[in-house]
Amino acid sequence: MKRVLLSLSIFLISQIAFSQEEKQVEKSEITAPRSYEQSHTGTFGGVKLSYKSVVGETHLKNSKGEVIGSLWSTSYLRDGMDETNRPVLFIFNGGPGSASVWLHMGFFGPKVVKTGDDPGIDDGAAPYRFVDNPQALLDITDLVFIDPIGTGFSKAIGVGENKDFWGLNEDAESISQFIRIWVTKHGRWQAPKFIAGESFGTTRAAKIAEVLEGGGQTMALNGIVLISQALDYAGSSSWPDNLTSFFTYLPSMAVTAQFHGKAGLDKSLEEFVQEARAFAYGEYLEALFLGEKQTIAQKEAIAEKLAYFTGLDKNYILQSNNQILMHRFKKELLRDQGKAIGTLDGRYFATETDKSAEGPVLGDASSYMTDAAYTAVFQNYLRKDLKVELDEPYLGSAEGMGGSWNWKPVPDGAYWEPSYVSTARSLSEAMHRNTAMKVMVANGYYDLITPFFDSEFTFARHDFPQDRISMKYYEAGHMMYNRQGDFDALSNDIRDFLSNLIK
């Protein structure tokens, strides 16, 4: 028996020693951060200039100074500038779990992909159009595209684990750490600093504004650009019993129905939008909260109005109890044609295989009709133009993040009851502490995931300083820059917004 226990002890000690040795090897394999630099020239904002691209790795560390993450970014830096006062714009997409490829290749980058303006035509197969972007902002600011841990080439390393980064607070802390490291390395503490985020990237942006104001290294931002904002998820989560969402999604349903010739044919877009707003804030809001206290006649009257705005059959609306879920609307609007419309952009439509399903079965038409172009163009650009020589794959979307994401807004161990995610108050309070910071909000009329009306509803509450919020609208969807007319309008709006804040 003693011999067995002795053998077991030796085995356990050897396993512990092996485990420690394994960790030591893992730590020793952490090499110096890698970087790939290239020189370029281009004309931006009418100014011909030279600049360099830097696809670089930054090591993130924990409170003990141990390396936990390898975060990759792509920076575009104008040559010949005094770095001390040179503005910088940090850019990221959303998800959570999305790399910055969409804003990089779709809008802000020195070269961009073009998928075409017709929402009924798929991007097809390679080759795709990839063109110079003379509207890029390099003449007025440097650009830094950030790929959060788990996306692009970024990953947990050393003693780090995905759980150190995959959460609402964890994500904001890691991106804020990167921003401070980048600003320190490039001597930009005295320079104007901006961030731009899309979708969940706006959720992140609001939280980062809060985090940057703490941590012993206070950093105040000059401005934030929110593209397709998602600060308060109650207004962008179309679920049963979420009364807020039925209210916030209605105007988007109305203008989408109008676009597809199902409603509002005798009205301009602006007229129909305003009419839908008035109905939503008036009769519809009252009806939603009255619920079963309404009479049959009252329900019939509301259903009649909803049919007028959405183009759906009145009986179908009554069967839905006057509460139309977005995934059903996307299928029902063009069901008579056997088609479903997109989520990110309701202008897109595609023929479905299952004509009788409750919602779209092929996925989001506005995604799968453009994704291939973005992916192919960036993979080629990364290696051909930016000269990145890495064997590992660049992940446009994180793998396995889904259910592993920690949405809790409080530290582990703190009491919290599940509720809709919201960082609206974080941004509002940051704006009250930093009275110089301004916010521009870009909204797509046909965005069926983060509706423009929810944006209006969100910024009308939470004590936002109204005089420092700029609301802009575009006749496209979530990625409004996919439509050339709105690409141009968004470019002008952001350029004006930043220029007014750069002194």
Protein backbone atom coordinates (compact mmCIF):
# COMPACT_ATOMS: atom_id res chain seq x y z
CA MET A 1 0.00 0.00 0.00
CA LYS A 2 2.84 2.37 0.92
CA ARG A 3 4.54 1.56 -2.38
CA VAL A 4 1.32 2.43 -4.28
CA LEU A 5 1.00 5.74 -2.39
CA LEU A 6 4.67 6.52 -3.01
CA SER A 7 4.27 5.80 -6.73
CA LEU A 8 1.14 7.95 -6.83
CA SER A 9 2.95 10.81 -5.08
CA ILE A 10 5.87 10.60 -7.50
CA PHE A 11 3.42 10.61 -10.42
CA LEU A 12 1.55 13.66 -9.11
CA ILE A 13 4.77 15.56 -8.40
CA SER A 14 6.06 14.76 -11.88
CA GLN A 15 2.77 15.91 -13.42
CA ILE A 16 2.90 19.19 -11.49
CA ALA A 17 6.50 19.70 -12.50
CA PHE A 18 5.61 18.91 -16.12
CA SER A 19 2.68 21.35 -16.01
CA GLN A 20 4.92 24.10 -14.60
CA GLU A 21 7.56 23.33 -17.21
CA GLU A 22 4.88 23.48 -19.91
CA LYS A 23 3.77 26.92 -18.69
CA GLN A 24 7.39 28.06 -18.58
CA VAL A 25 7.89 26.94 -22.16
CA GLU A 26 4.67 28.73 -23.14
CA LYS A 27 5.94 31.96 -21.57
CA SER A 28 9.38 31.63 -23.14
CA GLU A 29 7.77 31.28 -26.58
CA ILE A 30 6.34 34.79 -26.38
CA THR A 31 8.49 36.67 -28.84
CA ALA A 32 8.83 40.42 -29.35
CA PRO A 33 5.75 42.00 -30.97
CA ARG A 34 5.83 41.63 -34.74
CA SER A 35 5.26 44.46 -37.21
CA TYR A 36 4.93 44.87 -40.97
CA GLU A 37 5.49 48.35 -42.41
CA GLN A 38 5.06 49.62 -45.95
CA SER A 39 5.26 53.04 -47.61
CA HIS A 40 2.47 54.35 -49.85
CA THR A 41 1.25 57.49 -51.60
CA GLY A 42 -2.28 58.64 -52.31
CA THR A 43 -4.63 61.59 -52.66
CA PHE A 44 -7.11 62.10 -49.84
CA GLY A 45 -9.45 65.03 -49.37
CA GLY A 46 -7.78 66.59 -52.41
CA VAL A 47 -4.34 66.41 -50.79
CA LYS A 48 -1.59 64.27 -52.32
CA LEU A 49 0.51 62.76 -49.54
CA SER A 50 2.77 59.91 -48.54
CA TYR A 51 1.95 57.63 -45.65
CA LYS A 52 2.95 54.33 -44.14
CA SER A 53 0.89 51.32 -43.13
CA VAL A 54 1.80 49.41 -39.99
CA VAL A 55 0.19 46.05 -39.34
CA GLY A 56 1.42 45.48 -35.82
CA GLU A 57 1.11 43.28 -32.77
CA THR A 58 0.68 44.75 -29.29
CA HIS A 59 1.09 42.69 -26.13
CA LEU A 60 -1.62 43.22 -23.54
CA LYS A 61 -0.77 42.51 -19.91
CA ASN A 62 -2.59 41.77 -16.66
CA SER A 63 -2.15 43.63 -13.37
CA LYS A 64 0.93 41.51 -12.58
CA GLY A 65 2.63 42.59 -15.78
CA GLU A 66 2.22 39.17 -17.40
CA VAL A 67 1.44 38.96 -21.10
CA ILE A 68 -2.10 37.75 -21.69
CA GLY A 69 -2.99 38.86 -25.21
CA SER A 70 -1.65 39.52 -28.68
CA LEU A 71 -3.75 42.29 -30.20
CA TRP A 72 -3.21 43.21 -33.84
CA SER A 73 -4.04 46.53 -35.44
CA THR A 74 -3.51 48.27 -38.76
CA SER A 75 -2.36 51.89 -38.58
CA TYR A 76 -2.09 54.41 -41.40
CA LEU A 77 0.25 57.25 -40.50
CA ARG A 78 0.81 60.33 -42.63
CA ASP A 79 4.49 61.11 -43.24
CA GLY A 80 6.14 64.37 -42.29
CA MET A 81 3.74 65.33 -39.50
CA ASP A 82 4.48 66.48 -35.96
CA GLU A 83 3.14 63.51 -33.98
CA THR A 84 2.56 65.59 -30.87
CA ASN A 85 -0.59 67.23 -32.24
CA ARG A 86 -1.49 64.85 -35.06
CA PRO A 87 -5.12 63.68 -34.58
CA VAL A 88 -5.80 59.95 -34.45
CA LEU A 89 -9.02 58.00 -35.07
CA PHE A 90 -9.37 54.51 -33.55
CA ILE A 91 -11.81 52.30 -35.47
CA PHE A 92 -13.46 48.96 -34.73
CA ASN A 93 -16.47 46.93 -35.80
CA GLY A 94 -18.88 45.05 -33.59
CA GLY A 95 -20.30 41.57 -33.16
CA PRO A 96 -19.16 41.03 -30.52
CA GLY A 97 -16.63 38.92 -32.38
CA SER A 98 -16.10 40.91 -35.55
CA ALA A 99 -12.75 42.09 -36.87
CA SER A 100 -12.39 45.61 -38.24
CA VAL A 101 -12.43 44.41 -41.86
CA TRP A 102 -15.88 45.88 -42.62
CA LEU A 103 -15.13 49.50 -41.77
CA HIS A 104 -11.58 49.05 -43.03
CA MET A 105 -12.47 47.71 -46.46
CA GLY A 106 -15.92 49.24 -46.72
CA PHE A 107 -15.39 52.83 -45.73
CA PHE A 108 -12.42 54.25 -43.81
CA GLY A 109 -9.49 52.56 -45.54
CA PRO A 110 -7.27 54.14 -48.23
CA LYS A 111 -8.67 51.51 -50.61
CA VAL A 112 -12.20 50.11 -50.45
CA VAL A 113 -14.33 47.36 -51.94
CA LYS A 114 -17.38 48.17 -54.07
CA THR A 115 -20.28 45.72 -54.09
CA GLY A 116 -22.64 47.69 -56.30
CA ASP A 117 -25.70 49.79 -55.55
CA ASP A 118 -28.37 47.29 -56.60
CA PRO A 119 -29.66 45.46 -53.48
CA GLY A 120 -31.16 42.75 -55.66
CA ILE A 121 -27.83 41.61 -57.10
CA ASP A 122 -25.43 39.32 -55.22
CA ASP A 123 -21.70 40.13 -55.11
CA GLY A 124 -21.08 36.86 -56.96
CA ALA A 125 -17.61 35.33 -57.21
CA ALA A 126 -14.14 36.85 -57.59
CA PRO A 127 -12.73 39.09 -58.87
CA TYR A 128 -14.34 42.02 -57.01
CA ARG A 129 -13.97 45.77 -57.45
CA PHE A 130 -11.29 47.26 -55.19
CA VAL A 131 -10.58 50.96 -55.70
CA ASP A 132 -8.68 53.89 -54.24
CA ASN A 133 -10.63 55.88 -51.67
CA PRO A 134 -9.94 59.60 -52.18
CA GLN A 135 -12.45 60.36 -49.39
CA ALA A 136 -10.38 58.60 -46.72
CA LEU A 137 -9.47 60.91 -43.83
CA LEU A 138 -5.67 60.62 -43.91
CA ASP A 139 -5.29 64.28 -44.80
CA ILE A 140 -6.73 65.29 -41.41
CA THR A 141 -6.14 62.32 -39.09
CA ASP A 142 -4.20 59.09 -38.73
CA LEU A 143 -6.27 55.90 -38.73
CA VAL A 144 -5.93 52.86 -36.44
CA PHE A 145 -8.07 49.77 -37.12
CA ILE A 146 -8.39 47.48 -34.09
CA ASP A 147 -9.06 43.73 -34.14
CA PRO A 148 -10.23 42.61 -30.65
CA ILE A 149 -8.92 39.37 -29.17
CA GLY A 150 -10.33 36.38 -31.05
CA THR A 151 -10.66 38.28 -34.33
CA GLY A 152 -8.19 38.94 -37.15
CA PHE A 153 -4.79 37.69 -35.95
CA SER A 154 -5.49 38.71 -32.33
CA LYS A 155 -5.57 35.99 -29.66
CA ALA A 156 -4.96 35.19 -26.02
CA ILE A 157 -1.35 34.19 -25.34
CA GLY A 158 0.94 33.63 -22.36
CA VAL A 159 -1.12 33.22 -19.20
CA GLY A 160 -4.15 34.76 -20.88
CA GLU A 161 -7.44 33.03 -21.72
CA ASN A 162 -10.35 34.04 -23.91
CA LYS A 163 -12.44 34.74 -20.81
CA ASP A 164 -10.03 37.56 -19.97
CA PHE A 165 -11.30 39.41 -23.05
CA TRP A 166 -14.68 37.99 -24.02
CA GLY A 167 -17.08 40.13 -22.02
CA LEU A 168 -18.63 43.58 -21.95
CA ASN A 169 -16.24 44.94 -19.31
CA GLU A 170 -13.29 42.77 -20.31
CA ASP A 171 -13.50 43.87 -23.92
CA ALA A 172 -13.64 47.58 -23.05
CA GLU A 173 -10.69 47.21 -20.66
CA SER A 174 -8.51 45.46 -23.25
CA ILE A 175 -9.25 47.92 -26.06
CA SER A 176 -8.69 50.83 -23.68
CA GLN A 177 -5.34 49.33 -22.67
CA PHE A 178 -4.37 49.08 -26.33
CA ILE A 179 -5.38 52.69 -27.01
CA ARG A 180 -3.26 53.94 -24.10
CA ILE A 181 -0.28 51.84 -25.27
CA TRP A 182 -0.62 53.13 -28.84
CA VAL A 183 -1.00 56.77 -27.75
CA THR A 184 2.03 56.51 -25.45
CA LYS A 185 4.18 54.80 -28.10
CA HIS A 186 3.35 57.45 -30.69
CA GLY A 187 3.44 60.43 -28.32
CA ARG A 188 -0.20 61.45 -28.90
CA TRP A 189 -1.34 62.35 -25.38
CA GLN A 190 -1.66 66.00 -26.46
CA ALA A 191 -3.29 65.15 -29.80
CA PRO A 192 -7.03 65.15 -30.56
CA LYS A 193 -8.32 61.59 -30.15
CA PHE A 194 -11.45 60.05 -31.66
CA ILE A 195 -13.06 56.64 -31.85
CA ALA A 196 -15.51 55.24 -34.39
CA GLY A 197 -17.50 52.07 -33.88
CA GLU A 198 -20.22 50.21 -35.73
CA SER A 199 -23.07 48.16 -34.19
CA PHE A 200 -21.72 46.42 -31.05
CA GLY A 201 -18.71 48.63 -31.70
CA THR A 202 -20.91 51.51 -30.51
CA THR A 203 -21.76 49.57 -27.34
CA ARG A 204 -18.00 49.16 -26.90
CA ALA A 205 -17.28 52.82 -27.73
CA ALA A 206 -19.60 54.06 -24.98
CA LYS A 207 -17.97 51.76 -22.43
CA ILE A 208 -14.45 52.69 -23.58
CA ALA A 209 -15.23 56.39 -23.12
CA GLU A 210 -16.03 55.55 -19.50
CA VAL A 211 -13.01 53.26 -18.96
CA LEU A 212 -10.53 55.74 -20.46
CA GLU A 213 -11.56 58.30 -17.85
CA GLY A 214 -10.30 56.00 -15.07
CA GLY A 215 -7.49 53.55 -14.47
CA GLY A 216 -5.01 56.12 -13.19
CA GLN A 217 -4.32 57.40 -16.72
CA THR A 218 -7.26 59.64 -17.53
CA MET A 219 -7.77 60.11 -21.24
CA ALA A 220 -10.55 62.38 -22.51
CA LEU A 221 -11.81 61.82 -26.05
CA ASN A 222 -12.58 64.71 -28.39
CA GLY A 223 -15.33 62.91 -30.26
CA ILE A 224 -17.06 59.62 -31.01
CA VAL A 225 -18.67 58.47 -34.26
CA LEU A 226 -21.41 55.88 -33.73
CA ILE A 227 -22.39 54.05 -36.90
CA SER A 228 -25.66 52.12 -36.48
CA GLN A 229 -25.74 52.63 -32.72
CA ALA A 230 -26.64 49.91 -30.24
CA LEU A 231 -26.39 51.52 -26.82
CA ASP A 232 -29.61 50.23 -25.25
CA TYR A 233 -30.57 46.77 -26.46
CA ALA A 234 -34.20 46.99 -25.36
CA GLY A 235 -34.84 48.96 -28.53
CA SER A 236 -32.88 46.67 -30.86
CA SER A 237 -33.97 43.23 -29.62
CA SER A 238 -37.10 42.03 -31.39
CA TRP A 239 -38.40 39.43 -28.95
CA PRO A 240 -41.89 38.51 -27.71
CA ASP A 241 -43.05 40.60 -24.74
CA ASN A 242 -40.42 43.29 -25.35
CA LEU A 243 -42.87 46.16 -25.87
CA THR A 244 -40.08 48.67 -26.46
CA SER A 245 -38.95 46.84 -29.59
CA PHE A 246 -42.40 46.84 -31.24
CA PHE A 247 -42.39 50.61 -30.80
CA THR A 248 -38.78 51.24 -31.97
CA TYR A 249 -38.91 48.95 -35.02
CA LEU A 250 -42.16 50.22 -36.50
CA PRO A 251 -40.82 53.23 -38.49
CA SER A 252 -38.09 51.02 -40.01
CA MET A 253 -40.72 48.51 -41.08
CA ALA A 254 -42.74 51.34 -42.61
CA VAL A 255 -39.95 52.81 -44.75
CA THR A 256 -38.81 49.31 -45.78
CA ALA A 257 -42.34 48.48 -46.90
CA GLN A 258 -42.37 51.76 -48.80
CA PHE A 259 -39.06 50.91 -50.50
CA HIS A 260 -40.50 47.60 -51.73
CA GLY A 261 -43.70 49.22 -52.99
CA LYS A 262 -45.95 47.86 -50.25
CA ALA A 263 -46.85 51.06 -48.37
CA GLY A 264 -46.62 54.85 -48.43
CA LEU A 265 -46.56 55.09 -52.20
CA ASP A 266 -48.05 58.56 -52.27
CA LYS A 267 -45.57 59.96 -49.71
CA SER A 268 -41.94 61.00 -49.76
CA LEU A 269 -39.57 59.06 -47.51
CA GLU A 270 -39.37 61.92 -45.01
CA GLU A 271 -43.16 62.38 -44.94
CA PHE A 272 -43.77 58.67 -44.34
CA VAL A 273 -41.07 58.50 -41.66
CA GLN A 274 -42.63 61.38 -39.77
CA GLU A 275 -46.10 59.88 -40.06
CA ALA A 276 -44.79 56.56 -38.69
CA ARG A 277 -43.03 58.35 -35.82
CA ALA A 278 -46.23 60.14 -34.84
CA PHE A 279 -48.26 56.91 -34.89
CA ALA A 280 -45.60 55.05 -32.88
CA TYR A 281 -45.40 57.70 -30.18
CA GLY A 282 -49.16 58.13 -30.10
CA GLU A 283 -51.80 55.50 -30.73
CA TYR A 284 -49.43 52.54 -31.04
CA LEU A 285 -47.52 53.17 -27.81
CA GLU A 286 -50.78 53.52 -25.92
CA ALA A 287 -52.13 50.31 -27.45
CA LEU A 288 -49.00 48.33 -26.59
CA PHE A 289 -49.26 49.26 -22.94
CA LEU A 290 -53.03 48.84 -22.73
CA GLY A 291 -52.63 45.26 -23.96
CA GLU A 292 -55.70 43.13 -23.29
CA LYS A 293 -57.52 46.09 -21.75
CA GLN A 294 -58.27 47.18 -25.33
CA THR A 295 -61.63 46.46 -26.87
CA ILE A 296 -61.93 44.40 -30.05
CA ALA A 297 -62.75 47.60 -31.93
CA GLN A 298 -59.59 49.27 -30.63
CA LYS A 299 -57.46 46.31 -31.70
CA GLU A 300 -59.09 46.34 -35.14
CA ALA A 301 -58.32 50.04 -35.54
CA ILE A 302 -54.65 49.56 -34.60
CA ALA A 303 -54.34 46.58 -36.95
CA GLU A 304 -55.75 48.72 -39.75
CA LYS A 305 -53.08 51.36 -39.10
CA LEU A 306 -50.30 48.77 -38.87
CA ALA A 307 -51.39 47.29 -42.21
CA TYR A 308 -51.21 50.79 -43.68
CA PHE A 309 -47.65 51.32 -42.43
CA THR A 310 -46.17 47.84 -42.91
CA GLY A 311 -47.93 46.60 -46.03
CA LEU A 312 -48.82 43.35 -44.26
CA ASP A 313 -52.24 41.72 -44.29
CA LYS A 314 -54.53 42.99 -41.54
CA ASN A 315 -55.61 39.48 -40.52
CA TYR A 316 -51.97 38.41 -40.18
CA ILE A 317 -51.35 41.45 -37.96
CA LEU A 318 -54.36 40.62 -35.77
CA GLN A 319 -53.11 37.01 -35.47
CA SER A 320 -49.81 38.53 -34.28
CA ASN A 321 -51.74 40.49 -31.64
CA ASN A 322 -50.63 43.74 -33.31
CA GLN A 323 -47.02 42.92 -32.37
CA ILE A 324 -44.90 42.07 -35.40
CA LEU A 325 -41.57 40.38 -34.73
CA MET A 326 -38.83 41.50 -37.08
CA HIS A 327 -37.79 38.04 -38.26
CA ARG A 328 -41.39 37.43 -39.32
CA PHE A 329 -41.67 40.78 -41.06
CA LYS A 330 -38.57 40.00 -43.15
CA LYS A 331 -40.28 36.89 -44.49
CA GLU A 332 -43.85 38.14 -44.66
CA LEU A 333 -43.28 41.39 -46.59
CA LEU A 334 -42.36 39.67 -49.88
CA ARG A 335 -43.83 36.23 -49.17
CA ASP A 336 -46.10 36.59 -52.20
CA GLN A 337 -42.93 36.73 -54.32
CA GLY A 338 -41.20 33.86 -52.51
CA LYS A 339 -38.51 36.22 -51.23
CA ALA A 340 -37.15 37.44 -47.90
CA ILE A 341 -35.50 40.77 -47.15
CA GLY A 342 -32.23 41.48 -45.36
CA THR A 343 -31.60 42.22 -41.70
CA LEU A 344 -28.66 44.61 -41.85
CA ASP A 345 -30.31 46.30 -44.82
CA GLY A 346 -33.99 45.81 -45.61
CA ARG A 347 -33.49 46.96 -49.20
CA TYR A 348 -31.80 43.63 -49.99
CA PHE A 349 -33.94 40.67 -50.99
CA ALA A 350 -33.39 37.13 -52.24
CA THR A 351 -35.43 34.11 -53.30
CA GLU A 352 -35.96 31.62 -50.47
CA THR A 353 -35.87 27.82 -50.68
CA ASP A 354 -38.61 27.30 -48.09
CA LYS A 355 -41.49 29.57 -49.06
CA SER A 356 -43.67 28.66 -46.05
CA ALA A 357 -41.18 29.17 -43.20
CA GLU A 358 -41.91 31.66 -40.42
CA GLY A 359 -38.73 33.65 -41.12
CA PRO A 360 -35.81 33.71 -43.59
CA VAL A 361 -34.13 30.32 -43.95
CA LEU A 362 -31.03 31.30 -45.95
CA GLY A 363 -29.86 33.88 -43.43
CA ASP A 364 -29.42 37.61 -43.87
CA ALA A 365 -29.53 38.49 -47.57
CA SER A 366 -27.73 41.77 -46.99
CA SER A 367 -24.84 39.81 -45.41
CA TYR A 368 -24.40 36.84 -47.70
CA MET A 369 -24.84 39.05 -50.77
CA THR A 370 -21.78 41.16 -49.81
CA ASP A 371 -19.57 39.13 -47.40
CA ALA A 372 -17.56 37.25 -50.02
CA ALA A 373 -16.34 40.47 -51.63
CA TYR A 374 -15.13 41.92 -48.31
CA THR A 375 -13.36 38.71 -47.30
CA ALA A 376 -11.61 38.06 -50.62
CA VAL A 377 -10.48 41.65 -51.13
CA PHE A 378 -9.05 42.02 -47.63
CA GLN A 379 -7.21 38.70 -47.65
CA ASN A 380 -5.54 39.70 -50.90
CA TYR A 381 -4.84 43.30 -49.79
CA LEU A 382 -3.31 42.12 -46.52
CA ARG A 383 -0.64 40.12 -48.27
CA LYS A 384 -0.18 41.95 -51.54
CA ASP A 385 -0.31 45.62 -50.44
CA LEU A 386 0.45 45.49 -46.72
CA LYS A 387 3.02 42.66 -47.12
CA VAL A 388 1.90 40.71 -44.07
CA GLU A 389 3.68 37.34 -43.99
CA LEU A 390 1.81 35.24 -41.44
CA ASP A 391 0.78 31.63 -41.92
CA GLU A 392 -2.13 31.87 -39.49
CA PRO A 393 -5.59 32.77 -40.88
CA TYR A 394 -7.10 36.22 -40.49
CA LEU A 395 -10.51 35.68 -38.87
CA GLY A 396 -13.20 38.13 -39.91
CA SER A 397 -15.39 36.63 -37.19
CA ALA A 398 -14.29 35.00 -33.94
CA GLU A 399 -14.72 31.27 -33.57
CA GLY A 400 -16.48 29.92 -30.50
CA MET A 401 -17.21 33.29 -28.93
CA GLY A 402 -21.03 33.09 -29.09
CA GLY A 403 -22.22 31.64 -25.79
CA SER A 404 -18.86 32.32 -24.11
CA TRP A 405 -19.41 36.07 -24.06
CA ASN A 406 -19.97 37.60 -20.61
CA TRP A 407 -22.63 40.29 -20.88
CA LYS A 408 -22.64 41.14 -17.16
CA PRO A 409 -21.97 44.86 -16.65
CA VAL A 410 -20.71 44.21 -13.09
CA PRO A 411 -17.53 42.48 -11.79
CA ASP A 412 -17.62 38.75 -11.02
CA GLY A 413 -19.18 38.11 -7.65
CA ALA A 414 -21.30 41.26 -7.68
CA TYR A 415 -25.08 40.84 -7.64
CA TRP A 416 -26.81 41.35 -10.97
CA GLU A 417 -30.20 40.43 -12.41
CA PRO A 418 -30.25 39.75 -16.16
CA SER A 419 -31.54 42.69 -18.20
CA TYR A 420 -31.12 44.19 -21.64
CA VAL A 421 -27.56 45.32 -22.27
CA SER A 422 -27.08 49.07 -22.10
CA THR A 423 -24.04 51.33 -22.14
CA ALA A 424 -26.08 54.46 -22.82
CA ARG A 425 -25.68 55.75 -19.29
CA SER A 426 -21.91 55.14 -19.46
CA LEU A 427 -21.63 57.43 -22.47
CA SER A 428 -23.97 60.05 -21.03
CA GLU A 429 -21.97 60.27 -17.81
CA ALA A 430 -18.68 60.38 -19.73
CA MET A 431 -20.04 63.32 -21.73
CA HIS A 432 -21.03 65.13 -18.54
CA ARG A 433 -17.54 64.63 -17.12
CA ASN A 434 -15.91 65.63 -20.42
CA THR A 435 -17.83 68.67 -21.66
CA ALA A 436 -15.70 68.98 -24.80
CA MET A 437 -16.62 65.56 -26.20
CA LYS A 438 -19.20 65.44 -28.99
CA VAL A 439 -20.96 62.49 -30.58
CA MET A 440 -22.11 61.92 -34.15
CA VAL A 441 -24.72 59.20 -34.73
CA ALA A 442 -25.10 57.73 -38.23
CA ASN A 443 -28.43 56.00 -38.88
CA GLY A 444 -29.61 53.92 -41.84
CA TYR A 445 -33.32 54.17 -42.58
CA TYR A 446 -33.42 50.52 -43.74
CA ASP A 447 -31.41 49.09 -40.85
CA LEU A 448 -33.54 46.27 -39.43
CA ILE A 449 -31.17 45.27 -36.63
CA THR A 450 -30.38 48.63 -34.98
CA PRO A 451 -33.35 50.79 -36.06
CA PHE A 452 -32.96 54.55 -36.50
CA PHE A 453 -36.00 55.20 -34.31
CA ASP A 454 -34.34 53.35 -31.45
CA SER A 455 -31.39 55.72 -31.89
CA GLU A 456 -33.72 58.70 -31.49
CA PHE A 457 -35.45 57.09 -28.51
CA THR A 458 -32.11 56.27 -26.82
CA PHE A 459 -30.58 59.73 -27.18
CA ALA A 460 -33.78 61.41 -26.03
CA ARG A 461 -33.25 59.72 -22.65
CA HIS A 462 -30.34 58.88 -20.32
CA ASP A 463 -29.64 62.59 -19.69
CA PHE A 464 -27.63 63.03 -22.88
CA PRO A 465 -26.52 66.65 -23.47
CA GLN A 466 -28.63 67.30 -26.57
CA ASP A 467 -26.49 70.16 -27.91
CA ARG A 468 -23.50 67.82 -28.35
CA ILE A 469 -25.32 65.03 -30.20
CA SER A 470 -25.44 65.15 -34.01
CA MET A 471 -27.94 62.78 -35.68
CA LYS A 472 -27.44 61.89 -39.37
CA TYR A 473 -29.63 59.77 -41.65
CA TYR A 474 -28.93 57.74 -44.80
CA GLU A 475 -31.08 55.93 -47.34
CA ALA A 476 -29.46 52.56 -46.77
CA GLY A 477 -29.02 50.12 -43.90
CA HIS A 478 -26.62 49.08 -41.15
CA MET A 479 -23.61 49.41 -43.46
CA MET A 480 -24.92 52.49 -45.22
CA TYR A 481 -21.58 52.95 -46.99
CA ASN A 482 -22.44 50.01 -49.28
CA ARG A 483 -24.61 52.49 -51.20
CA GLN A 484 -22.41 54.98 -53.05
CA GLY A 485 -24.64 57.99 -52.44
CA ASP A 486 -24.56 57.34 -48.72
CA PHE A 487 -20.85 56.52 -48.77
CA ASP A 488 -20.33 60.05 -50.08
CA ALA A 489 -22.75 61.62 -47.58
CA LEU A 490 -21.28 59.74 -44.61
CA SER A 491 -17.75 60.71 -45.70
CA ASN A 492 -18.71 64.38 -45.80
CA ASP A 493 -20.54 64.22 -42.47
CA ILE A 494 -17.67 62.54 -40.61
CA ARG A 495 -15.08 64.83 -42.20
CA ASP A 496 -17.08 67.89 -41.10
CA PHE A 497 -17.61 66.45 -37.63
CA LEU A 498 -13.90 65.74 -37.04
CA SER A 499 -12.69 68.96 -38.68
CA ASN A 500 -14.86 71.05 -36.37
CA LEU A 501 -13.28 69.36 -33.35
CA ILE A 502 -9.67 69.59 -34.52
CA LYS A 503 -8.22 72.91 -33.48
